[in-house]
Amino acid sequence: MRILVAEDEKDMNRLITRTLEKEGYGVDSCYDGQEALDYLESAEYDGAILDIMMPKLDGHQVLKRLRARGSDLPVLFLTARDSVADRVAGLDLGADDYLVKPFDFDELLARIRVMLRKRSRHKTSVITIGDLKIDTGSHSVARGERTIELSSREYSILEYMAMHPGQVLSREQIETHVWNFDYSGGSNVVDVYISYLRKKIDGGEAVKLIRTVWGSGWMIKEGQ
C-alpha cells in the first residue's frame, strides 16, 4: 500500500516515514499542504496522513479540495489540538480518523490498517484466499499448516494483490502502489518479485493461487 505523509515538522515526518517503510508501505513525504496536493494529483495513493497545521495550505484545506474533486482517499489527520470542536471539524470535512500528538506509533499503525481496510472488502486483519491466510496486523503469512517467510517487499506485493482478489493488476499498478517516487528499479523488477512469491506461495501446491494474465498482469484467485 502506498501512503503520502504530509507533516511540516521534519523530525516527525522522518520518524513516521521510516516507521511506515519498515512495515512495508511505499511512502512519499512532504512538508506543506500545497506540496501534498501536488503529490496527490500526480500519483495514486491508498491513504494519506495529513498534519492539520501546515504552511501554504493546512490539512483541512487539502482535504476540502480533495473531497470537492470527488476523491474518497482515506485520510488520517494528525494534530496537536485536542478539542472536540477540532476533531468534529476534521471529521465533518471527510477525514477517516484523527490522532492527537504525541501518539504511540503502534496506535498509528493500527489506525492506518483499519483505515485502509474500510476501502476493501476485508473487515478483519486476516485475509483468507483458499488455504492462504495473510494477517495484515502481524504481517504473517501461512498456507495450510505451512508458515511462509516473506521479505517486506514480497509481503507488500502479496497484500496488495490479496486486497484485490480476482482483479488483474498490471506491472504499473503494482509499482505505483508498492514503491514510491524514489523508485528507480528495472523494468522487470515486478516480474522478479512475482516469481519469488510464486515459489513461496504456490511451490509444491496442487492449487496455484497466483495467476498470470498474459499481456495484462497478475492476479491472486482461489480455485482452479
Protein backbone atom coordinates (compact mmCIF):
# COMPACT_ATOMS: atom_id res chain seq x y z
CA MET A 1 0.00 0.00 0.00
CA ARG A 2 1.26 3.49 -0.87
CA ILE A 3 0.82 6.34 1.60
CA LEU A 4 1.52 10.07 1.50
CA VAL A 5 2.83 11.68 4.69
CA ALA A 6 2.37 15.47 4.86
CA GLU A 7 3.89 16.83 8.08
CA ASP A 8 5.87 20.08 8.37
CA GLU A 9 7.86 19.00 11.45
CA LYS A 10 10.79 17.37 9.67
CA ASP A 11 11.89 15.11 12.53
CA MET A 12 8.34 13.84 13.00
CA ASN A 13 7.96 13.41 9.24
CA ARG A 14 11.12 11.29 9.08
CA LEU A 15 10.01 9.15 12.05
CA ILE A 16 6.59 8.45 10.54
CA THR A 17 8.09 7.73 7.12
CA ARG A 18 10.70 5.31 8.49
CA THR A 19 8.11 3.55 10.64
CA LEU A 20 5.80 3.02 7.68
CA GLU A 21 8.63 1.90 5.41
CA LYS A 22 9.69 -0.71 7.98
CA GLU A 23 6.13 -2.02 7.83
CA GLY A 24 6.46 -2.44 4.07
CA TYR A 25 4.46 0.58 2.91
CA GLY A 26 5.53 2.63 -0.09
CA VAL A 27 5.85 6.16 1.32
CA ASP A 28 6.22 9.65 -0.14
CA SER A 29 6.62 12.58 2.22
CA CYS A 30 6.29 16.35 2.01
CA TYR A 31 6.21 19.35 4.31
CA ASP A 32 3.35 21.65 3.28
CA GLY A 33 -0.22 21.44 2.06
CA GLN A 34 0.38 22.67 -1.48
CA GLU A 35 3.09 20.06 -1.99
CA ALA A 36 0.71 17.44 -0.62
CA LEU A 37 -1.90 18.35 -3.24
CA ASP A 38 0.77 18.20 -5.97
CA TYR A 39 1.74 14.68 -4.88
CA LEU A 40 -1.88 13.57 -4.69
CA GLU A 41 -2.53 14.85 -8.22
CA SER A 42 0.49 13.10 -9.72
CA ALA A 43 0.22 9.61 -8.23
CA GLU A 44 -2.35 7.14 -6.93
CA TYR A 45 -2.29 6.59 -3.16
CA ASP A 46 -4.09 4.19 -0.86
CA GLY A 47 -4.15 6.64 2.03
CA ALA A 48 -2.77 9.94 3.34
CA ILE A 49 -1.60 11.19 6.72
CA LEU A 50 -2.07 14.96 6.95
CA ASP A 51 -0.91 17.27 9.69
CA ILE A 52 -3.52 19.95 10.23
CA MET A 53 -1.18 22.89 10.93
CA MET A 54 0.93 23.05 7.75
CA PRO A 55 2.22 26.05 5.76
CA LYS A 56 0.70 27.20 2.44
CA LEU A 57 -2.41 25.04 2.87
CA ASP A 58 -3.45 23.44 6.15
CA GLY A 59 -4.70 19.87 6.37
CA HIS A 60 -8.34 20.94 6.40
CA GLN A 61 -7.88 22.90 3.16
CA VAL A 62 -6.11 19.96 1.50
CA LEU A 63 -8.89 17.56 2.45
CA LYS A 64 -11.62 20.01 1.42
CA ARG A 65 -10.11 20.29 -2.06
CA LEU A 66 -9.70 16.51 -2.31
CA ARG A 67 -13.32 15.86 -1.42
CA ALA A 68 -14.51 18.64 -3.77
CA ARG A 69 -12.85 16.69 -6.61
CA GLY A 70 -14.78 13.60 -5.62
CA SER A 71 -11.78 11.78 -4.12
CA ASP A 72 -12.59 9.19 -1.45
CA LEU A 73 -8.93 8.73 -0.47
CA PRO A 74 -8.70 7.56 3.17
CA VAL A 75 -7.21 10.39 5.27
CA LEU A 76 -5.93 10.42 8.83
CA PHE A 77 -5.36 13.80 10.47
CA LEU A 78 -2.50 14.48 12.88
CA THR A 79 -2.79 17.46 15.21
CA ALA A 80 -1.60 18.89 18.49
CA ARG A 81 -5.10 20.27 19.16
CA ASP A 82 -7.34 18.01 21.19
CA SER A 83 -10.62 19.90 21.46
CA VAL A 84 -13.87 18.22 20.49
CA ALA A 85 -14.59 21.09 18.07
CA ASP A 86 -11.30 20.46 16.21
CA ARG A 87 -11.99 16.73 15.88
CA VAL A 88 -15.55 17.32 14.72
CA ALA A 89 -14.40 19.88 12.13
CA GLY A 90 -11.95 17.40 10.61
CA LEU A 91 -14.41 14.53 10.57
CA ASP A 92 -17.13 16.71 9.08
CA LEU A 93 -14.79 17.58 6.22
CA GLY A 94 -14.48 13.89 5.42
CA ALA A 95 -11.48 12.67 7.41
CA ASP A 96 -11.50 8.97 8.24
CA ASP A 97 -9.61 9.27 11.52
CA TYR A 98 -7.91 11.72 13.84
CA LEU A 99 -4.80 11.21 16.01
CA VAL A 100 -3.55 13.70 18.59
CA LYS A 101 0.17 14.34 19.13
CA PRO A 102 2.09 12.94 20.89
CA PHE A 103 0.97 9.47 19.87
CA ASP A 104 2.19 5.91 20.07
CA PHE A 105 3.45 4.59 16.74
CA ASP A 106 1.80 1.22 17.32
CA GLU A 107 -1.52 3.03 17.58
CA LEU A 108 -0.76 4.97 14.39
CA LEU A 109 -0.05 1.72 12.52
CA ALA A 110 -3.22 0.12 13.87
CA ARG A 111 -5.34 3.10 12.81
CA ILE A 112 -3.80 3.05 9.33
CA ARG A 113 -4.63 -0.66 8.95
CA VAL A 114 -8.24 -0.02 9.99
CA MET A 115 -8.49 2.99 7.67
CA LEU A 116 -7.20 1.02 4.68
CA ARG A 117 -9.49 -1.94 5.42
CA LYS A 118 -12.51 0.35 5.12
CA ARG A 119 -11.71 0.67 1.43
CA SER A 120 -11.51 -3.06 0.86
CA ARG A 121 -13.94 -5.92 1.32
CA HIS A 122 -11.89 -7.23 4.25
CA LYS A 123 -13.23 -6.16 7.62
CA THR A 124 -10.74 -8.01 9.82
CA SER A 125 -6.94 -8.08 9.91
CA VAL A 126 -6.85 -11.56 8.34
CA ILE A 127 -7.31 -12.00 4.59
CA THR A 128 -8.16 -15.56 3.52
CA ILE A 129 -7.85 -16.81 -0.06
CA GLY A 130 -8.36 -20.54 -0.25
CA ASP A 131 -5.98 -22.01 2.32
CA LEU A 132 -3.77 -18.90 2.24
CA LYS A 133 -4.02 -16.65 5.30
CA ILE A 134 -2.47 -13.18 5.44
CA ASP A 135 -2.51 -11.34 8.77
CA THR A 136 -2.16 -7.63 7.96
CA GLY A 137 -1.57 -6.84 11.62
CA SER A 138 1.40 -9.11 12.22
CA HIS A 139 2.41 -9.45 8.54
CA SER A 140 2.43 -13.20 8.98
CA VAL A 141 1.56 -15.47 6.06
CA ALA A 142 0.60 -19.14 6.08
CA ARG A 143 -0.72 -21.62 3.58
CA GLY A 144 -2.43 -24.51 5.28
CA GLU A 145 -0.11 -25.56 8.08
CA ARG A 146 2.94 -24.06 6.35
CA THR A 147 4.33 -20.74 7.59
CA ILE A 148 5.75 -18.61 4.78
CA GLU A 149 8.59 -16.16 5.37
CA LEU A 150 8.49 -13.13 3.08
CA SER A 151 10.67 -10.05 2.66
CA SER A 152 8.95 -6.72 3.30
CA ARG A 153 8.67 -6.07 -0.44
CA GLU A 154 7.29 -9.54 -1.17
CA TYR A 155 4.75 -9.09 1.61
CA SER A 156 3.69 -5.67 0.29
CA ILE A 157 3.03 -7.05 -3.18
CA LEU A 158 1.16 -10.07 -1.81
CA GLU A 159 -1.00 -7.90 0.46
CA TYR A 160 -1.83 -5.55 -2.41
CA MET A 161 -2.85 -8.47 -4.62
CA ALA A 162 -4.85 -10.04 -1.79
CA MET A 163 -6.71 -6.76 -1.22
CA HIS A 164 -7.93 -7.10 -4.83
CA PRO A 165 -8.66 -10.84 -5.27
CA GLY A 166 -9.64 -11.88 -8.76
CA GLN A 167 -8.59 -8.50 -10.18
CA VAL A 168 -5.87 -8.34 -12.83
CA LEU A 169 -3.14 -5.95 -11.64
CA SER A 170 -0.70 -4.55 -14.16
CA ARG A 171 3.01 -4.07 -13.64
CA GLU A 172 2.42 -0.31 -13.45
CA GLN A 173 -0.30 -0.67 -10.81
CA ILE A 174 1.92 -2.80 -8.61
CA GLU A 175 4.86 -0.41 -9.00
CA THR A 176 2.63 2.56 -8.16
CA HIS A 177 1.18 1.03 -5.00
CA VAL A 178 4.29 -0.66 -3.61
CA TRP A 179 7.13 1.73 -4.46
CA ASN A 180 7.48 5.49 -4.02
CA PHE A 181 8.71 8.35 -6.21
CA ASP A 182 12.35 7.47 -5.45
CA TYR A 183 11.92 4.07 -7.10
CA SER A 184 14.38 3.52 -9.95
CA GLY A 185 14.29 -0.24 -10.42
CA GLY A 186 14.50 -2.07 -13.72
CA SER A 187 11.52 -2.75 -15.93
CA ASN A 188 11.31 -6.39 -14.83
CA VAL A 189 11.65 -5.93 -11.06
CA VAL A 190 7.94 -6.67 -10.50
CA ASP A 191 8.28 -9.84 -12.58
CA VAL A 192 11.19 -10.92 -10.38
CA TYR A 193 9.22 -10.42 -7.17
CA ILE A 194 6.18 -12.22 -8.58
CA SER A 195 8.50 -15.13 -9.36
CA TYR A 196 9.74 -15.14 -5.75
CA LEU A 197 6.16 -15.09 -4.46
CA ARG A 198 5.13 -17.94 -6.75
CA LYS A 199 7.89 -20.16 -5.41
CA LYS A 200 6.99 -19.39 -1.80
CA ILE A 201 3.19 -19.36 -2.08
CA ASP A 202 2.49 -21.92 -4.80
CA GLY A 203 5.63 -24.08 -4.80
CA GLY A 204 4.68 -27.72 -4.22
CA GLU A 205 0.95 -26.88 -4.06
CA ALA A 206 -1.60 -28.60 -6.30
CA VAL A 207 -3.73 -25.45 -6.49
CA LYS A 208 -1.93 -22.37 -7.75
CA LEU A 209 -3.22 -19.03 -6.41
CA ILE A 210 -1.05 -16.53 -8.27
CA ARG A 211 -2.07 -16.37 -11.94
CA THR A 212 -0.51 -14.66 -14.95
CA VAL A 213 -2.85 -12.96 -17.38
CA TRP A 214 -0.61 -12.68 -20.43
CA GLY A 215 -0.23 -9.16 -21.74
CA SER A 216 -2.11 -7.68 -18.78
CA GLY A 217 -0.53 -8.60 -15.45
CA TRP A 218 -1.19 -10.89 -12.49
CA MET A 219 -3.92 -11.71 -10.04
CA ILE A 220 -4.47 -13.86 -7.00
CA LYS A 221 -7.53 -16.08 -7.10
CA GLU A 222 -8.94 -19.02 -5.20
CA GLY A 223 -9.62 -22.30 -7.00
CA GLN A 224 -8.51 -23.75 -10.32
